[in-house]
Each structure stands twice: as structure tokens, then as C-alpha cells.
Amino acid sequence: MSALLLTLFFLMIVLAFAYLLILKHKNISIIDIFWSLLFLVISIVNFFYFENYSLVNIITLILITLWSLRLSIYLFNRNWGKSEDFRYNQISSRWKKNRNLNILVKVVLLQGLLSFIVSLPIQYIFSSNQILDSNSIFIFIFSIILFLIGFLFESLADYQLMKFKKDKKNTGKLLVSGLWSKSRHPNHFGNFLIWWSFFLISTIQINPLDIWIIISPILMTVLLRYISGVPMLEKKFKNHPDFEKYEKNTPIFFPKLFK
């Protein structure tokens, strides 16, 4: 069986399990818990299929595992047993007919397709024997640093938001401190850096004809900044009494580290 078919096979298993949980608990938000796990599944399948156990590949798998499990555990704690996220509630409210079919096609299978496309650089890394030389080692080190900065932004922003929401005194308030004073969406900015770091790793020994896999970080950037990430949250808080001041003083995406 080819790597492609094997990858799709395991993706379908995970997505089928997620779909059954969504139907059982009547909560589409559950799919978010599985989003980062899809990338881990793709990575593990390709890592062991191609058996290219180079230093680059091993470290890449470690980074993917670190990102995937951290995000999945965070979203599990945030979403499990809670009411459906407003984003999915708004989308699904338009599905008067064939709701379950719409959930399958427009949420579950769509996320599977997106994860496959976004993970193209990772698949490329594991399918090639990435050997470091005197030039590529600098790209690799820079990529790891970029990943760590992105991981720090995403995880610290999530932690600050979780801690803020746990305090009942903050009910109805906006989080405007910590990383959230540098960017209105620091977690998404961190994710943005992470996926560009994986693309950079894939370029260590890339065939010039394969540069088209840059579609991966571009797609993730578009999703985060212009479709499912930033816009929906901006719309949610647009009418909040404190949002106008927050919007005026804080960049929407790229953080302003020095004021």
C-alpha cells in the first residue's frame, strides 16, 4: 500500500471516530480536539512508512508531537462537556435539512482534506532523506527557533486566556493583558509561525519543482487570518463595549512587541 493510501486510511479512521462522537454528544466543537491529532497521525504514518530516520526527520516528528498533543489537550479541556462553540452553532443553524450529512461533509471531511493539504511539507520531509550540510544547518536551526517562538506564543496565549476565563470576576470582560496586549490574536499568530517553520524545514533539500508545497503555509495563513480564525472572533466581539479601544490600541495579528 502506498504512503498516500495508508495516510488516507488512518485519517478516515480518526475522522470516523470524531464524527461518531459529534453525533453522540450533539456538539460539533468536538472536531477541534481532533484537528491537531490529524497532523500527528499523518506524521507518524509517513515517518515509519519511509523509514528515513535522519536527525531532521526525528526532530520534526518531536516538534509535531509536541504541538499536536499540547493543542489537543488544551482543546479537550476547553470543549469537552461544554456547549457548542458559537462558530459551529452559527454555521449549523443554516442546515435545516440533512444536518448530519452536512456535518460529515462540510466539517469532518473538510477538516480531513485541509489537514492533508496543510501537512504537505511534513509529508515531504518524511518522504525525503533530509541530510544537513554546512548551509542547510542554518536553515534548520532558524526553523526550530521559529517553531519555538510560535509554540511559545500559541501555548502562552492559550494559557493566559484559560486562566482569564476561569476567574468569574472576568465574566463579560475582554482579555487585554499579557500577549493579548501585543496582538488581538496571539495564539493564531503563533500557529502561523509554526506552519511556516515546517515549510522552511522542508526546503533544506527541496527539489525546485516541488516548491509548490508552499501552498501549505499560505493556506494555513489564509485560514487563520481571513476565514476561520481571526474574522469570526472579531465579529463576535465587535459589539463589546471595550472592543473599540482594544482594536485601536492593539494590532489585529502581527504583535507589536515594543510600545
Protein backbone atom coordinates (compact mmCIF):
# COMPACT_ATOMS: atom_id res chain seq x y z
CA MET A 1 0.00 0.00 0.00
CA SER A 2 1.34 3.44 -0.91
CA ALA A 3 2.04 6.15 1.65
CA LEU A 4 -0.87 8.18 0.27
CA LEU A 5 -3.42 5.37 0.66
CA LEU A 6 -2.09 4.43 4.09
CA THR A 7 -2.27 8.04 5.23
CA LEU A 8 -5.84 8.43 3.96
CA PHE A 9 -6.83 5.12 5.58
CA PHE A 10 -5.72 6.18 9.05
CA LEU A 11 -7.14 9.67 8.56
CA MET A 12 -10.54 8.17 7.79
CA ILE A 13 -10.42 6.04 10.94
CA VAL A 14 -9.74 9.07 13.14
CA LEU A 15 -12.34 11.19 11.34
CA ALA A 16 -14.97 8.45 11.60
CA PHE A 17 -14.37 8.25 15.36
CA ALA A 18 -14.63 12.04 15.66
CA TYR A 19 -17.86 12.05 13.64
CA LEU A 20 -19.45 9.41 15.87
CA LEU A 21 -18.54 11.43 18.97
CA ILE A 22 -20.06 14.56 17.42
CA LEU A 23 -23.33 12.75 16.72
CA LYS A 24 -23.41 11.15 20.16
CA HIS A 25 -22.82 14.37 22.09
CA LYS A 26 -24.57 16.66 19.56
CA ASN A 27 -21.60 19.02 19.64
CA ILE A 28 -19.64 19.90 16.50
CA SER A 29 -16.94 21.60 18.61
CA ILE A 30 -15.53 18.14 19.35
CA ILE A 31 -13.88 18.19 15.93
CA ASP A 32 -11.47 20.87 17.18
CA ILE A 33 -9.98 18.35 19.61
CA PHE A 34 -9.06 16.12 16.67
CA TRP A 35 -7.68 18.86 14.38
CA SER A 36 -4.07 18.77 15.59
CA LEU A 37 -4.22 14.98 16.07
CA LEU A 38 -4.82 14.58 12.33
CA PHE A 39 -1.37 16.05 11.70
CA LEU A 40 0.18 13.70 14.24
CA VAL A 41 -1.43 10.71 12.53
CA ILE A 42 -0.18 11.88 9.12
CA SER A 43 3.31 12.42 10.54
CA ILE A 44 3.57 9.04 12.28
CA VAL A 45 2.33 7.14 9.23
CA ASN A 46 4.81 8.84 6.90
CA PHE A 47 7.70 8.72 9.37
CA PHE A 48 7.54 4.94 9.74
CA TYR A 49 6.47 4.24 6.17
CA PHE A 50 9.52 5.84 4.55
CA GLU A 51 11.93 4.76 7.31
CA ASN A 52 14.11 7.82 6.84
CA TYR A 53 15.26 8.18 10.42
CA SER A 54 17.53 11.17 9.91
CA LEU A 55 18.11 13.78 12.59
CA VAL A 56 15.89 16.24 10.68
CA ASN A 57 13.02 13.76 10.47
CA ILE A 58 13.26 12.72 14.11
CA ILE A 59 13.30 16.30 15.37
CA THR A 60 10.43 17.22 13.04
CA LEU A 61 8.34 14.36 14.46
CA ILE A 62 9.15 15.51 18.00
CA LEU A 63 8.06 19.07 17.18
CA ILE A 64 4.82 17.89 15.54
CA THR A 65 4.06 15.66 18.53
CA LEU A 66 4.73 18.48 20.98
CA TRP A 67 2.46 20.90 19.09
CA SER A 68 -0.28 18.36 18.40
CA LEU A 69 -0.66 16.91 21.89
CA ARG A 70 -0.45 20.29 23.61
CA LEU A 71 -3.17 21.79 21.44
CA SER A 72 -5.40 18.72 21.55
CA ILE A 73 -5.23 18.50 25.37
CA TYR A 74 -5.95 22.22 25.66
CA LEU A 75 -8.98 21.99 23.36
CA PHE A 76 -10.21 18.87 25.14
CA ASN A 77 -10.20 20.71 28.46
CA ARG A 78 -11.88 23.70 26.82
CA ASN A 79 -14.54 21.96 24.74
CA TRP A 80 -15.40 18.63 26.35
CA GLY A 81 -18.71 18.71 28.18
CA LYS A 82 -19.25 22.35 27.22
CA SER A 83 -21.87 23.89 24.95
CA GLU A 84 -21.20 24.06 21.23
CA ASP A 85 -18.81 26.79 20.08
CA PHE A 86 -20.60 29.84 18.65
CA ARG A 87 -18.84 29.40 15.29
CA TYR A 88 -20.26 25.96 14.69
CA ASN A 89 -23.59 26.99 16.14
CA GLN A 90 -23.88 29.80 13.59
CA ILE A 91 -22.86 27.57 10.70
CA SER A 92 -25.07 24.62 11.60
CA SER A 93 -28.12 26.83 12.21
CA ARG A 94 -28.38 27.14 8.42
CA TRP A 95 -28.61 23.38 7.97
CA LYS A 96 -32.34 22.82 8.32
CA LYS A 97 -32.16 19.64 6.25
CA ASN A 98 -29.60 16.82 6.22
CA ARG A 99 -27.82 18.21 9.28
CA ASN A 100 -25.76 15.07 9.93
CA LEU A 101 -24.71 14.83 6.28
CA ASN A 102 -23.67 18.48 6.31
CA ILE A 103 -21.63 17.92 9.45
CA LEU A 104 -19.91 14.95 7.80
CA VAL A 105 -19.08 16.72 4.54
CA LYS A 106 -18.70 20.38 5.50
CA VAL A 107 -16.97 19.91 8.84
CA VAL A 108 -15.41 16.48 9.36
CA LEU A 109 -14.29 15.58 5.82
CA LEU A 110 -13.38 19.19 5.08
CA GLN A 111 -11.02 19.27 8.07
CA GLY A 112 -9.52 15.99 6.89
CA LEU A 113 -8.86 17.49 3.46
CA LEU A 114 -7.41 20.69 4.90
CA SER A 115 -5.13 18.78 7.28
CA PHE A 116 -3.83 16.71 4.36
CA ILE A 117 -3.04 19.82 2.28
CA VAL A 118 -1.53 21.80 5.15
CA SER A 119 0.65 18.83 6.11
CA LEU A 120 2.27 18.58 2.65
CA PRO A 121 5.65 19.97 3.84
CA ILE A 122 5.67 17.44 6.68
CA GLN A 123 4.92 14.61 4.27
CA TYR A 124 7.69 15.92 2.03
CA ILE A 125 10.18 15.97 4.91
CA PHE A 126 9.49 12.36 5.89
CA SER A 127 9.48 11.09 2.31
CA SER A 128 12.93 12.52 1.59
CA ASN A 129 16.26 11.85 3.20
CA GLN A 130 16.95 15.27 4.68
CA ILE A 131 20.70 15.43 5.35
CA LEU A 132 22.19 18.53 6.90
CA ASP A 133 25.21 20.21 5.39
CA SER A 134 27.10 23.39 6.28
CA ASN A 135 24.48 25.57 4.56
CA SER A 136 21.23 23.80 5.40
CA ILE A 137 22.01 23.52 9.11
CA PHE A 138 21.43 27.27 9.47
CA ILE A 139 18.00 26.92 7.83
CA PHE A 140 17.22 24.04 10.16
CA ILE A 141 18.30 25.91 13.30
CA PHE A 142 16.35 29.00 12.23
CA SER A 143 13.28 26.82 11.58
CA ILE A 144 13.47 25.31 15.06
CA ILE A 145 13.80 28.77 16.62
CA LEU A 146 10.81 29.96 14.59
CA PHE A 147 8.80 26.95 15.75
CA LEU A 148 9.72 27.55 19.39
CA ILE A 149 8.69 31.22 19.18
CA GLY A 150 5.40 30.22 17.57
CA PHE A 151 4.83 27.45 20.10
CA LEU A 152 5.51 29.86 22.96
CA PHE A 153 3.08 32.42 21.55
CA GLU A 154 0.33 29.88 20.97
CA SER A 155 0.65 27.96 24.24
CA LEU A 156 1.20 31.01 26.47
CA ALA A 157 -1.70 32.89 24.85
CA ASP A 158 -3.98 29.86 25.35
CA TYR A 159 -2.87 29.57 28.97
CA GLN A 160 -3.48 33.26 29.66
CA LEU A 161 -6.93 33.06 28.08
CA MET A 162 -7.84 29.91 30.02
CA LYS A 163 -6.71 31.47 33.30
CA PHE A 164 -8.61 34.68 32.49
CA LYS A 165 -11.86 32.83 31.79
CA LYS A 166 -11.62 30.73 34.94
CA ASP A 167 -11.82 33.86 37.09
CA LYS A 168 -15.52 34.65 37.49
CA LYS A 169 -14.61 38.31 38.03
CA ASN A 170 -13.72 38.48 34.33
CA THR A 171 -17.13 37.35 33.08
CA GLY A 172 -18.14 39.58 30.18
CA LYS A 173 -14.71 41.22 30.01
CA LEU A 174 -12.07 41.21 27.27
CA LEU A 175 -8.59 39.88 27.91
CA VAL A 176 -6.30 42.80 27.05
CA SER A 177 -3.18 41.96 29.05
CA GLY A 178 -0.17 39.67 28.56
CA LEU A 179 0.33 38.56 24.98
CA TRP A 180 -3.21 39.73 24.27
CA SER A 181 -1.98 43.30 24.69
CA LYS A 182 0.54 42.74 21.88
CA SER A 183 -1.86 41.15 19.41
CA ARG A 184 -5.61 40.57 19.39
CA HIS A 185 -4.95 37.00 18.25
CA PRO A 186 -1.54 35.93 19.58
CA ASN A 187 -2.46 32.23 19.56
CA HIS A 188 -3.24 32.34 15.85
CA PHE A 189 -0.05 34.29 15.20
CA GLY A 190 1.89 31.54 16.98
CA ASN A 191 0.23 28.91 14.82
CA PHE A 192 1.15 30.95 11.77
CA LEU A 193 4.85 30.84 12.73
CA ILE A 194 4.71 27.11 13.43
CA TRP A 195 3.49 26.19 9.96
CA TRP A 196 5.98 28.44 8.21
CA SER A 197 8.72 26.78 10.27
CA PHE A 198 7.73 23.34 8.98
CA PHE A 199 7.77 24.62 5.42
CA LEU A 200 11.28 26.01 5.93
CA ILE A 201 12.44 22.60 7.18
CA SER A 202 11.06 21.02 4.01
CA THR A 203 13.20 23.37 1.89
CA ILE A 204 16.50 22.04 3.29
CA GLN A 205 16.93 19.74 0.30
CA ILE A 206 13.85 20.50 -1.76
CA ASN A 207 13.64 19.89 -5.48
CA PRO A 208 12.93 23.29 -7.10
CA LEU A 209 9.99 21.67 -8.93
CA ASP A 210 8.41 20.84 -5.57
CA ILE A 211 8.34 24.41 -4.29
CA TRP A 212 4.57 24.32 -4.92
CA ILE A 213 4.14 22.82 -1.43
CA ILE A 214 4.38 26.42 -0.21
CA ILE A 215 0.61 26.21 -0.66
CA SER A 216 0.58 24.64 2.81
CA PRO A 217 1.68 27.63 4.95
CA ILE A 218 -0.15 30.01 2.61
CA LEU A 219 -3.39 28.07 3.08
CA MET A 220 -2.92 27.99 6.86
CA THR A 221 -2.22 31.73 6.88
CA VAL A 222 -5.38 32.44 4.89
CA LEU A 223 -7.46 30.18 7.16
CA LEU A 224 -6.14 31.78 10.34
CA ARG A 225 -6.14 35.39 9.23
CA TYR A 226 -9.03 35.67 6.81
CA ILE A 227 -11.50 32.77 7.22
CA SER A 228 -11.97 30.66 10.34
CA GLY A 229 -9.63 32.23 12.87
CA VAL A 230 -9.44 36.00 13.19
CA PRO A 231 -12.61 37.18 11.34
CA MET A 232 -15.10 35.08 13.29
CA LEU A 233 -13.69 36.13 16.66
CA GLU A 234 -13.50 39.76 15.59
CA LYS A 235 -17.16 39.60 14.59
CA LYS A 236 -18.08 38.03 17.92
CA PHE A 237 -16.56 40.83 19.99
CA LYS A 238 -17.27 43.73 17.62
CA ASN A 239 -20.14 44.99 19.77
CA HIS A 240 -18.33 44.59 23.08
CA PRO A 241 -18.11 47.98 24.87
CA ASP A 242 -14.34 47.64 25.34
CA PHE A 243 -13.56 46.39 21.85
CA GLU A 244 -13.24 49.78 20.15
CA LYS A 245 -10.44 50.84 22.49
CA TYR A 246 -8.81 47.43 22.27
CA GLU A 247 -8.99 47.49 18.48
CA LYS A 248 -7.42 50.96 18.37
CA ASN A 249 -4.50 50.12 20.66
CA THR A 250 -3.72 46.52 19.70
CA PRO A 251 -2.66 45.08 16.29
CA ILE A 252 -5.03 42.50 14.87
CA PHE A 253 -2.45 39.80 14.09
CA PHE A 254 1.25 40.58 13.96
CA PRO A 255 2.22 41.61 17.51
CA LYS A 256 3.59 44.97 18.45
CA LEU A 257 6.27 43.94 20.94
CA PHE A 258 7.53 47.41 21.75
CA LYS A 259 5.36 50.41 22.53
